[in-house]
Amino acid sequence: MLVSSAVGVMEGLLEQFRPCFSRPQFKNFSTYILGLVACEGRRNVDAINRCFVDAGDQSALNRFLTSSPWSLQLIEAKRLAVVRLYQKFKHQTKPETIYRKLNVHGASRS
């Protein structure tokens, strides 16, 4: 399970991908990624969906993964851009400085 400060960082990083998705797609994307990171035990769609308090039917997450019209190329381009930006600032001594430069919000929550 992730502590609240780590969740804040993850949410901030996921925000970088918001332009790649519609609002419902972004919710499913965030659920899926946070589930892969935070859920314990087996990580299939049903198990990931059950990790969240506000989880709806797992079929929405299934449809997101199998038939939503999001662009893998756009997501990959955004991922590479975030990694390059992180690489540029990784030698900063304070994590808060890196998060600010990456425009990651909620990173300093305790």
Protein backbone atom coordinates (compact mmCIF):
# COMPACT_ATOMS: atom_id res chain seq x y z
CA MET A 1 0.00 0.00 0.00
CA LEU A 2 1.26 3.46 -0.85
CA VAL A 3 1.57 6.16 1.80
CA SER A 4 -0.20 9.44 1.10
CA SER A 5 2.95 11.31 0.02
CA ALA A 6 3.72 8.61 -2.56
CA VAL A 7 0.13 8.70 -3.80
CA GLY A 8 0.48 12.48 -4.25
CA VAL A 9 3.62 11.98 -6.34
CA MET A 10 1.98 9.24 -8.41
CA GLU A 11 -1.12 11.36 -9.01
CA GLY A 12 1.08 14.27 -10.03
CA LEU A 13 3.01 12.14 -12.48
CA LEU A 14 -0.19 10.68 -13.91
CA GLU A 15 -1.47 14.23 -14.48
CA GLN A 16 1.26 14.58 -17.10
CA PHE A 17 -0.72 12.06 -19.19
CA ARG A 18 -4.13 13.75 -18.88
CA PRO A 19 -3.94 15.34 -22.38
CA CYS A 20 -3.66 11.84 -23.88
CA PHE A 21 -7.15 10.80 -22.72
CA SER A 22 -10.77 11.84 -22.40
CA ARG A 23 -12.00 12.38 -18.82
CA PRO A 24 -13.37 8.81 -18.36
CA GLN A 25 -10.33 7.31 -20.07
CA PHE A 26 -8.01 9.23 -17.74
CA LYS A 27 -9.88 7.94 -14.69
CA ASN A 28 -9.45 4.36 -15.95
CA PHE A 29 -5.80 4.98 -16.86
CA SER A 30 -5.09 6.34 -13.37
CA THR A 31 -6.94 3.46 -11.73
CA TYR A 32 -5.00 0.92 -13.75
CA ILE A 33 -1.55 2.44 -13.15
CA LEU A 34 -2.13 3.10 -9.44
CA GLY A 35 -3.52 -0.43 -9.13
CA LEU A 36 -0.43 -1.95 -10.71
CA VAL A 37 1.74 -0.07 -8.23
CA ALA A 38 -0.32 -0.16 -5.04
CA CYS A 39 -2.44 -3.29 -5.03
CA GLU A 40 -1.11 -6.34 -3.27
CA GLY A 41 -1.34 -9.88 -4.54
CA ARG A 42 -2.58 -10.80 -7.96
CA ARG A 43 -2.88 -7.90 -10.42
CA ASN A 44 -5.61 -8.57 -12.93
CA VAL A 45 -8.35 -6.14 -13.93
CA ASP A 46 -10.82 -7.45 -11.35
CA ALA A 47 -8.25 -7.37 -8.51
CA ILE A 48 -7.05 -3.87 -9.46
CA ASN A 49 -10.62 -2.60 -9.64
CA ARG A 50 -11.40 -4.00 -6.17
CA CYS A 51 -8.43 -2.10 -4.65
CA PHE A 52 -10.28 1.19 -4.92
CA VAL A 53 -13.05 2.42 -2.66
CA ASP A 54 -14.92 4.18 -5.47
CA ALA A 55 -14.56 1.27 -7.91
CA GLY A 56 -17.39 0.70 -10.31
CA ASP A 57 -17.91 -2.38 -12.40
CA GLN A 58 -14.64 -3.82 -13.66
CA SER A 59 -16.04 -3.93 -17.21
CA ALA A 60 -15.24 -0.20 -17.66
CA LEU A 61 -11.58 -0.88 -16.91
CA ASN A 62 -11.67 -3.89 -19.21
CA ARG A 63 -13.12 -1.83 -22.06
CA PHE A 64 -10.52 0.87 -21.48
CA LEU A 65 -7.74 -1.68 -21.95
CA THR A 66 -9.24 -3.58 -24.86
CA SER A 67 -11.32 -1.23 -26.97
CA SER A 68 -10.86 2.45 -26.05
CA PRO A 69 -9.56 4.67 -28.84
CA TRP A 70 -6.50 6.06 -27.03
CA SER A 71 -3.17 6.34 -28.78
CA LEU A 72 -0.29 4.19 -27.58
CA GLN A 73 2.09 6.36 -29.61
CA LEU A 74 0.87 9.52 -27.85
CA ILE A 75 1.26 7.90 -24.44
CA GLU A 76 4.75 6.66 -25.30
CA ALA A 77 5.79 10.11 -26.56
CA LYS A 78 4.52 11.67 -23.31
CA ARG A 79 6.29 9.02 -21.22
CA LEU A 80 9.58 9.70 -22.98
CA ALA A 81 9.14 13.46 -22.51
CA VAL A 82 8.54 13.01 -18.77
CA VAL A 83 11.59 10.71 -18.47
CA ARG A 84 13.77 13.21 -20.35
CA LEU A 85 12.59 16.04 -18.11
CA TYR A 86 13.25 13.94 -15.00
CA GLN A 87 16.75 13.07 -16.30
CA LYS A 88 17.47 16.76 -16.76
CA PHE A 89 16.72 17.50 -13.08
CA LYS A 90 17.59 14.20 -11.35
CA HIS A 91 20.77 15.59 -9.81
CA GLN A 92 18.83 18.12 -7.76
CA THR A 93 19.36 17.47 -4.07
CA LYS A 94 15.76 18.01 -2.97
CA PRO A 95 12.96 15.85 -4.41
CA GLU A 96 10.59 18.83 -4.03
CA THR A 97 12.72 20.76 -6.53
CA ILE A 98 12.43 17.96 -9.08
CA TYR A 99 8.67 17.71 -8.54
CA ARG A 100 8.24 21.45 -8.95
CA LYS A 101 10.23 21.45 -12.20
CA LEU A 102 8.22 18.47 -13.44
CA ASN A 103 5.05 20.33 -12.41
CA VAL A 104 4.06 17.44 -10.13
CA HIS A 105 1.50 18.61 -7.58
CA GLY A 106 0.84 17.05 -4.22
CA ALA A 107 4.38 15.68 -3.95
CA SER A 108 5.13 17.18 -0.56
CA ARG A 109 2.01 15.91 1.21
CA SER A 110 2.66 13.91 4.35
